[in-house]
Protein backbone atom coordinates (compact mmCIF):
# COMPACT_ATOMS: atom_id res chain seq x y z
CA UNK A 1 214.00 9.40 117.12
CA UNK A 2 215.54 6.58 114.61
CA UNK A 3 218.50 7.09 117.30
CA UNK A 4 216.35 5.76 120.55
CA UNK A 5 215.07 2.96 117.85
CA UNK A 6 218.24 1.36 117.01
CA UNK A 7 220.42 1.87 120.31
CA UNK A 8 218.48 -0.81 122.05
CA UNK A 9 219.26 -3.14 119.26
CA UNK A 10 222.88 -2.15 118.84
CA UNK A 11 223.52 -2.70 122.70
CA UNK A 12 222.33 -5.95 122.47
CA UNK A 13 224.29 -7.18 119.46
CA UNK A 14 227.35 -5.89 121.07
CA UNK A 15 226.54 -7.74 124.26
CA UNK A 16 226.39 -11.14 122.26
CA UNK A 17 229.65 -10.01 120.25
CA UNK A 18 231.33 -9.48 123.36
CA UNK A 19 229.65 -13.10 124.77
CA UNK A 20 230.99 -14.46 121.41
CA UNK A 21 234.51 -13.27 121.91
CA UNK A 22 234.84 -14.48 125.21
CA UNK A 23 233.44 -18.00 124.34
CA UNK A 24 235.93 -17.87 121.32
CA UNK A 25 238.93 -17.28 123.39
CA UNK A 26 238.54 -19.50 126.24
CA UNK A 27 238.66 -22.83 124.45
CA UNK A 28 241.72 -24.53 123.06
CA UNK A 29 239.85 -27.86 121.73
CA UNK A 30 240.48 -26.73 118.05
CA UNK A 31 238.36 -24.15 115.80
CA UNK A 32 235.56 -26.42 115.15
CA UNK A 33 234.45 -26.26 118.70
CA UNK A 34 235.25 -22.69 119.42
CA UNK A 35 232.94 -21.68 116.59
CA UNK A 36 230.35 -23.95 117.91
CA UNK A 37 230.57 -22.68 121.25
CA UNK A 38 230.80 -19.21 120.08
CA UNK A 39 227.47 -19.56 118.00
CA UNK A 40 225.97 -21.11 121.05
CA UNK A 41 226.74 -17.87 123.03
CA UNK A 42 225.67 -15.32 120.12
CA UNK A 43 222.31 -16.94 119.33
CA UNK A 44 220.55 -16.67 122.66
CA UNK A 45 221.38 -12.87 123.09
CA UNK A 46 220.39 -11.87 119.70
CA UNK A 47 216.83 -13.69 120.08
CA UNK A 48 216.24 -11.50 122.85
CA UNK A 49 215.38 -8.94 120.23
CA UNK A 50 212.42 -10.83 118.88
CA UNK A 51 211.50 -13.75 121.40
CA UNK A 52 212.98 -12.71 125.08
CA UNK A 53 211.03 -16.04 126.98
CA UNK A 54 212.24 -18.07 124.02
CA UNK A 55 215.95 -16.89 124.33
CA UNK A 56 216.03 -17.55 127.77
CA UNK A 57 215.08 -21.16 127.21
CA UNK A 58 217.37 -21.09 124.76
CA UNK A 59 220.19 -19.92 126.92
CA UNK A 60 219.09 -23.09 129.23
CA UNK A 61 219.84 -25.54 126.65
CA UNK A 62 222.93 -24.09 125.22
CA UNK A 63 224.62 -23.99 128.58
CA UNK A 64 224.90 -27.91 129.20
CA UNK A 65 225.66 -28.38 125.66
CA UNK A 66 228.33 -26.05 125.62
CA UNK A 67 229.66 -27.16 129.07
CA UNK A 68 229.63 -31.07 127.60
CA UNK A 69 231.08 -29.92 124.69
CA UNK A 70 233.70 -27.16 125.33
CA UNK A 71 234.30 -28.56 128.63
CA UNK A 72 238.65 -29.12 129.95
CA UNK A 73 240.61 -29.58 133.09
CA UNK A 74 240.38 -26.83 134.95
CA UNK A 75 237.23 -25.24 133.75
CA UNK A 76 234.91 -23.95 136.02
CA UNK A 77 231.59 -26.06 136.14
CA UNK A 78 228.81 -25.97 134.73
CA UNK A 79 229.11 -22.54 133.28
CA UNK A 80 231.99 -21.56 130.57
CA UNK A 81 233.39 -18.35 130.51
CA UNK A 82 230.68 -17.63 127.05
CA UNK A 83 227.98 -19.36 128.61
CA UNK A 84 228.55 -17.56 131.84
CA UNK A 85 228.18 -14.12 130.00
CA UNK A 86 225.54 -15.27 127.71
CA UNK A 87 223.37 -16.50 130.64
CA UNK A 88 223.74 -13.30 132.23
CA UNK A 89 223.10 -11.28 129.34
CA UNK A 90 220.23 -13.05 128.17
CA UNK A 91 218.63 -12.67 132.02
CA UNK A 92 219.40 -8.93 131.96
CA UNK A 93 217.66 -8.41 128.80
CA UNK A 94 214.64 -10.41 128.97
CA UNK A 95 214.17 -8.91 132.37
CA UNK A 96 214.14 -5.46 131.33
CA UNK A 97 211.70 -6.43 128.26
CA UNK A 98 209.56 -8.31 130.89
CA UNK A 99 207.55 -7.74 134.16
CA UNK A 100 209.77 -8.32 137.58
CA UNK A 101 207.78 -11.37 138.32
CA UNK A 102 209.33 -12.96 135.07
CA UNK A 103 212.71 -12.33 135.72
CA UNK A 104 212.31 -14.02 139.39
CA UNK A 105 211.43 -17.44 138.02
CA UNK A 106 213.85 -16.64 135.27
CA UNK A 107 216.41 -16.68 138.50
CA UNK A 108 215.07 -19.53 140.13
CA UNK A 109 215.38 -21.88 137.17
CA UNK A 110 218.80 -20.74 136.57
CA UNK A 111 219.46 -21.92 140.33
CA UNK A 112 217.65 -25.25 140.03
CA UNK A 113 219.74 -25.91 137.05
CA UNK A 114 222.95 -24.79 138.74
CA UNK A 115 222.20 -27.02 141.90
CA UNK A 116 221.18 -30.03 139.54
CA UNK A 117 224.45 -29.54 137.50
CA UNK A 118 226.64 -30.27 140.70
CA UNK A 119 224.69 -33.79 140.58
CA UNK A 120 226.58 -35.23 137.71
CA UNK A 121 230.05 -35.66 137.28
CA UNK A 122 232.25 -33.87 135.00
CA UNK A 123 234.51 -35.54 132.49
CA UNK A 124 237.56 -33.91 133.84
CA UNK A 125 238.80 -32.48 137.17
CA UNK A 126 237.41 -29.19 137.94
CA UNK A 127 238.43 -26.06 140.19
CA UNK A 128 234.88 -25.97 140.82
CA UNK A 129 231.66 -24.68 140.40
CA UNK A 130 230.58 -21.46 139.40
CA UNK A 131 226.63 -21.35 139.97
CA UNK A 132 226.93 -19.30 142.98
CA UNK A 133 228.64 -16.72 141.21
CA UNK A 134 225.98 -16.87 138.47
CA UNK A 135 223.00 -16.65 141.08
CA UNK A 136 225.13 -13.66 142.95
CA UNK A 137 225.73 -11.50 139.63
CA UNK A 138 222.27 -12.31 138.40
CA UNK A 139 220.47 -11.38 141.24
CA UNK A 140 222.64 -7.72 141.15
CA UNK A 141 221.53 -7.07 137.54
CA UNK A 142 218.16 -8.32 138.21
CA UNK A 143 217.29 -6.67 141.26
CA UNK A 144 218.70 -3.84 139.47
CA UNK A 145 216.53 -4.20 136.67
CA UNK A 146 213.29 -4.45 138.99
CA UNK A 147 214.16 -1.36 140.76
CA UNK A 148 214.30 0.32 137.34
CA UNK A 149 210.56 -1.27 136.49
CA UNK A 150 209.09 -0.61 139.87
CA UNK A 151 210.35 3.33 139.61
CA UNK A 152 209.08 3.48 136.19
CA UNK A 153 205.47 2.38 137.12
CA UNK A 154 205.56 4.53 139.85
CA UNK A 155 206.16 7.48 137.55
CA UNK A 156 203.71 6.19 135.20
CA UNK A 157 200.63 6.27 138.11
CA UNK A 158 201.66 9.78 139.69
CA UNK A 159 201.48 10.96 135.81
CA UNK A 160 197.99 9.26 135.47
CA UNK A 161 196.88 10.25 138.76
CA UNK A 162 198.09 13.99 138.05
CA UNK A 163 196.10 13.54 134.99
CA UNK A 164 193.15 12.38 136.45
CA UNK A 165 193.68 15.05 139.34
CA UNK A 166 194.21 18.08 136.79
CA UNK A 167 190.70 16.90 134.88
CA UNK A 168 188.74 16.64 137.92
CA UNK A 169 189.94 20.14 138.71
CA UNK A 170 189.45 21.50 135.70
CA UNK A 171 185.74 19.94 135.88
CA UNK A 172 185.10 21.08 139.05
CA UNK A 173 186.42 24.64 138.31
CA UNK A 174 183.93 24.52 135.24
CA UNK A 175 180.92 23.42 137.36
CA UNK A 176 181.83 26.27 140.34
CA UNK A 177 181.64 28.51 137.00
CA UNK A 178 178.62 27.37 135.89
CA UNK A 179 177.36 27.93 139.66
CA UNK A 180 178.44 31.48 139.86
CA UNK A 181 176.88 32.20 136.70
CA UNK A 182 173.38 30.57 137.64
CA UNK A 183 173.49 32.72 140.69
CA UNK A 184 174.21 36.07 138.95
CA UNK A 185 171.82 35.56 136.48
CA UNK A 186 169.17 34.59 139.22
CA UNK A 187 168.69 38.25 140.31
CA UNK A 188 168.53 39.00 136.45
CA UNK A 189 165.60 36.43 136.06
CA UNK A 190 164.00 37.06 139.08
CA UNK A 191 163.47 40.96 138.77
CA UNK A 192 161.87 40.23 135.38
CA UNK A 193 159.59 38.06 136.93
CA UNK A 194 158.70 40.08 139.41
CA UNK A 195 157.88 42.93 136.71
CA UNK A 196 155.88 40.81 135.13
CA UNK A 197 153.99 39.42 138.11
CA UNK A 198 153.42 42.93 139.39
CA UNK A 199 152.73 44.60 135.91
CA UNK A 200 150.03 41.55 135.38
CA UNK A 201 148.33 42.60 138.57
CA UNK A 202 148.12 45.81 138.03
CA UNK A 203 146.88 45.62 134.37
CA UNK A 204 143.41 45.07 135.34
CA UNK A 205 142.69 48.30 137.41
CA UNK A 206 144.34 50.43 134.23
CA UNK A 207 141.54 49.43 131.66
CA UNK A 208 137.77 50.88 132.80
CA UNK A 209 135.14 47.67 133.13
CA UNK A 210 137.87 44.75 131.98
CA UNK A 211 135.87 41.97 130.54
CA UNK A 212 136.03 38.70 132.33
CA UNK A 213 138.43 37.23 129.70
CA UNK A 214 140.89 39.84 130.20
CA UNK A 215 140.68 39.79 133.92
CA UNK A 216 141.46 35.57 134.00
CA UNK A 217 143.86 36.04 131.48
CA UNK A 218 146.10 38.52 133.62
CA UNK A 219 145.39 36.64 136.75
CA UNK A 220 147.01 33.69 134.76
CA UNK A 221 149.61 35.36 133.58
CA UNK A 222 150.62 36.87 137.56
CA UNK A 223 150.11 33.18 138.68
CA UNK A 224 152.29 31.53 136.14
CA UNK A 225 155.10 34.22 137.10
CA UNK A 226 154.85 33.82 140.84
CA UNK A 227 154.98 29.91 140.57
CA UNK A 228 158.17 30.75 137.91
CA UNK A 229 159.65 32.61 140.43
CA UNK A 230 159.01 30.38 143.33
CA UNK A 231 160.76 27.81 140.98
CA UNK A 232 163.80 29.70 140.05
CA UNK A 233 164.20 30.36 143.93
CA UNK A 234 164.34 26.64 144.89
CA UNK A 235 166.90 26.31 141.72
CA UNK A 236 169.04 28.94 143.66
CA UNK A 237 168.67 27.07 146.77
CA UNK A 238 170.52 24.15 145.06
CA UNK A 239 173.29 25.83 143.60
CA UNK A 240 173.96 28.33 146.30
CA UNK A 241 177.11 27.86 148.49
CA UNK A 242 176.45 27.27 152.31
CA UNK A 243 177.90 30.64 153.13
CA UNK A 244 176.43 32.35 150.11
CA UNK A 245 174.33 35.90 150.84
CA UNK A 246 172.19 37.47 148.28
CA UNK A 247 173.78 40.70 147.02
CA UNK A 248 172.23 43.76 148.57
CA UNK A 249 173.31 45.85 145.29
CA UNK A 250 171.99 45.10 141.81
CA UNK A 251 174.44 43.52 139.51
CA UNK A 252 177.12 45.75 137.80
CA UNK A 253 177.01 46.36 134.14
CA UNK A 254 178.74 48.11 131.61
CA UNK A 255 177.77 51.59 133.38
CA UNK A 256 179.84 50.53 136.53
CA UNK A 257 182.94 49.93 134.28
CA UNK A 258 184.75 52.97 134.47
CA UNK A 259 184.04 52.53 138.42
CA UNK A 260 186.01 48.82 138.30
CA UNK A 261 189.12 50.41 136.01
CA UNK A 262 189.37 53.17 138.46
CA UNK A 263 189.53 50.58 141.20
CA UNK A 264 191.81 48.37 139.92
CA UNK A 265 194.23 51.47 139.03
CA UNK A 266 193.86 52.72 142.20
CA UNK A 267 194.57 49.35 144.46
CA UNK A 268 196.73 47.38 142.10
CA UNK A 269 198.59 50.39 139.95
CA UNK A 270 197.74 48.52 136.70
CA UNK A 271 198.00 50.98 133.94
CA UNK A 272 194.79 50.54 131.72
CA UNK A 273 193.10 52.36 129.30
CA UNK A 274 189.70 52.29 127.98
CA UNK A 275 188.17 52.82 124.64
CA UNK A 276 184.60 52.97 123.53
CA UNK A 277 182.74 53.10 119.95
CA UNK A 278 179.70 52.80 118.58
CA UNK A 279 176.39 54.40 119.77
CA UNK A 280 176.10 53.39 123.80
CA UNK A 281 172.63 51.79 124.02
CA UNK A 282 171.18 49.61 126.83
CA UNK A 283 171.43 45.98 126.34
CA UNK A 284 169.58 42.89 128.03
CA UNK A 285 170.88 42.81 131.75
CA UNK A 286 172.49 39.63 131.27
CA UNK A 287 174.24 40.46 128.71
CA UNK A 288 176.08 43.43 129.99
CA UNK A 289 176.57 41.51 133.45
CA UNK A 290 178.61 38.81 131.75
CA UNK A 291 180.35 41.56 129.52
CA UNK A 292 181.45 43.41 132.98
CA UNK A 293 182.50 39.73 134.09
CA UNK A 294 184.84 39.15 131.11
CA UNK A 295 186.27 42.68 131.37
CA UNK A 296 187.28 41.99 135.35
CA UNK A 297 188.02 38.33 134.92
CA UNK A 298 190.38 39.59 131.54
CA UNK A 299 192.33 42.15 134.14
CA UNK A 300 192.44 39.35 136.83
CA UNK A 301 194.42 37.38 134.39
CA UNK A 302 196.81 40.39 133.52
CA UNK A 303 197.54 40.96 136.98
CA UNK A 304 198.04 37.35 137.76
CA UNK A 305 200.45 36.30 134.74
CA UNK A 306 201.87 40.05 133.60
CA UNK A 307 202.25 41.88 136.64
CA UNK A 308 203.42 45.46 135.66
CA UNK A 309 202.23 45.12 132.27
CA UNK A 310 199.90 47.76 130.63
CA UNK A 311 196.25 46.87 129.67
CA UNK A 312 193.95 48.46 127.29
CA UNK A 313 189.86 47.95 127.23
CA UNK A 314 187.81 48.26 123.99
CA UNK A 315 184.13 48.00 124.03
CA UNK A 316 182.62 48.42 120.87
CA UNK A 317 178.55 48.82 120.36
CA UNK A 318 178.02 47.20 116.89
CA UNK A 319 175.29 46.26 114.59
CA UNK A 320 173.90 42.79 116.34
CA UNK A 321 175.85 42.80 119.53
CA UNK A 322 178.47 44.11 121.79
CA UNK A 323 182.41 43.69 120.93
CA UNK A 324 185.14 43.10 123.52
CA UNK A 325 188.79 43.27 123.61
CA UNK A 326 191.06 43.56 126.45
CA UNK A 327 194.55 43.23 125.81
CA UNK A 328 197.84 43.26 127.73
CA UNK A 329 201.58 43.93 126.69
CA UNK A 330 204.19 41.87 127.93
CA UNK A 331 205.71 42.08 131.53
CA UNK A 332 208.42 44.38 131.83
CA UNK A 333 211.91 42.94 131.64
CA UNK A 334 213.30 42.57 134.27
CA UNK A 335 209.91 42.20 136.42
CA UNK A 336 210.27 43.11 139.80
CA UNK A 337 207.51 41.01 140.61
CA UNK A 338 207.39 37.01 139.57
CA UNK A 339 204.16 36.36 138.03
CA UNK A 340 201.76 33.80 139.93
CA UNK A 341 201.57 30.21 138.76
CA UNK A 342 197.62 30.34 137.92
CA UNK A 343 195.88 27.38 137.06
CA UNK A 344 194.52 29.13 133.96
CA UNK A 345 190.72 28.51 134.66
CA UNK A 346 189.80 32.42 134.26
CA UNK A 347 189.67 31.52 130.41
CA UNK A 348 186.93 28.94 131.33
CA UNK A 349 185.16 31.17 133.14
CA UNK A 350 184.83 33.72 130.19
CA UNK A 351 184.19 30.97 128.09
CA UNK A 352 181.27 29.77 129.89
CA UNK A 353 179.95 33.18 130.07
CA UNK A 354 180.17 33.57 126.04
CA UNK A 355 178.73 30.42 125.26
CA UNK A 356 175.82 30.97 127.34
CA UNK A 357 175.02 33.88 125.29
CA UNK A 358 175.94 32.03 121.81
CA UNK A 359 178.82 34.38 121.28
CA UNK A 360 182.39 33.92 119.89
CA UNK A 361 185.48 34.13 121.87
CA UNK A 362 189.13 34.12 121.27
CA UNK A 363 192.13 34.17 123.72
CA UNK A 364 195.66 33.90 122.49
CA UNK A 365 198.80 35.46 122.86
CA UNK A 366 200.42 38.16 120.71
CA UNK A 367 203.06 38.82 118.61
CA UNK A 368 204.81 41.30 121.12
CA UNK A 369 204.23 38.73 124.11
CA UNK A 370 201.32 40.01 125.83
CA UNK A 371 198.07 38.42 125.72
CA UNK A 372 194.61 39.16 124.01
CA UNK A 373 191.15 38.13 124.47
CA UNK A 374 188.36 39.13 121.87
CA UNK A 375 184.71 38.59 122.47
CA UNK A 376 181.65 39.19 120.91
CA UNK A 377 178.24 39.04 122.53
CA UNK A 378 175.04 38.90 119.87
CA UNK A 379 172.23 40.93 120.86
CA UNK A 380 168.88 41.06 118.96
CA UNK A 381 168.40 44.78 117.42
CA UNK A 382 165.48 46.55 118.76
CA UNK A 383 163.23 46.41 115.93
CA UNK A 384 163.66 42.95 115.83
CA UNK A 385 162.45 42.36 119.59
CA UNK A 386 159.41 44.60 118.58
CA UNK A 387 158.62 42.68 115.65
């Protein structure tokens, strides 16, 4: 980092010293004049480090002074060798540190000066003008710098666009995951609301001579349940994809986990083991559905990013909730199948499901080079629900 900071300053100083050296060895009018011309060549180049535009104007002012003071018989006009190198270095450095438009008007002003200097006769005979040489070489240098600016801005624009695209892709994936979760949970909630409506309608017939207040209360419960179910179906219509069809089979639960693992082993050849701890109990349907989908997505990630690796699924029925741990080892070396370049959105979907249930989740690489997903889904104890 320190090297990158001081390198430009060192290069500018070297350019200034080179211009100073050229100026001091291209004039024979005495030591004092040589020193003066050397300083005129060095000053503008060093000034570019702090005042780029000011350095250009200083070079424009120093050039005619050097030409008048140091011009001798046989010298080209109006750029003495030291001034030529100095102004060319200043134009290049200022172009690097500013915008291409600034480099363009600096080049035009240089041409105007060169054309104007031809009008005024010199004190001595000269071989000719070197303004065209200055314009030619400076145009090449400035064009190269401008192309560098354009390429850098293009790269920055592409990088910014890629960042925006990645952000939009992540956002779209997040919305798609939430929509998928909403569609799945619709069936769960709709089932419960239907049960409430049916039981509320049948309840008065289970009581002999029910009082009118009780019949009215059950009728109100049924009406509200039916209304809620209707609104829920409207919401599903909003989030439903055009090609979405309601599933004929019920939503999967943890009871279907063994069938899922068997299907994965049979169709993909993935070696996956399952361990289960704690007393198995019935959990809320939303929790079981989310747990099933989390295991399913974690195994899909294993197949996608670590083909050939062994996986292990742990299900823990603990006090206050359900624990899940899905871990896979590193892919075998050398791997016969290259991992697919997945976008990593499976973790996003799992986090959405866990967050929806106020759970906790960690996903990280293991020390052995594999990957581990740990999830805890809180579930109220049966006694708490009854209370």
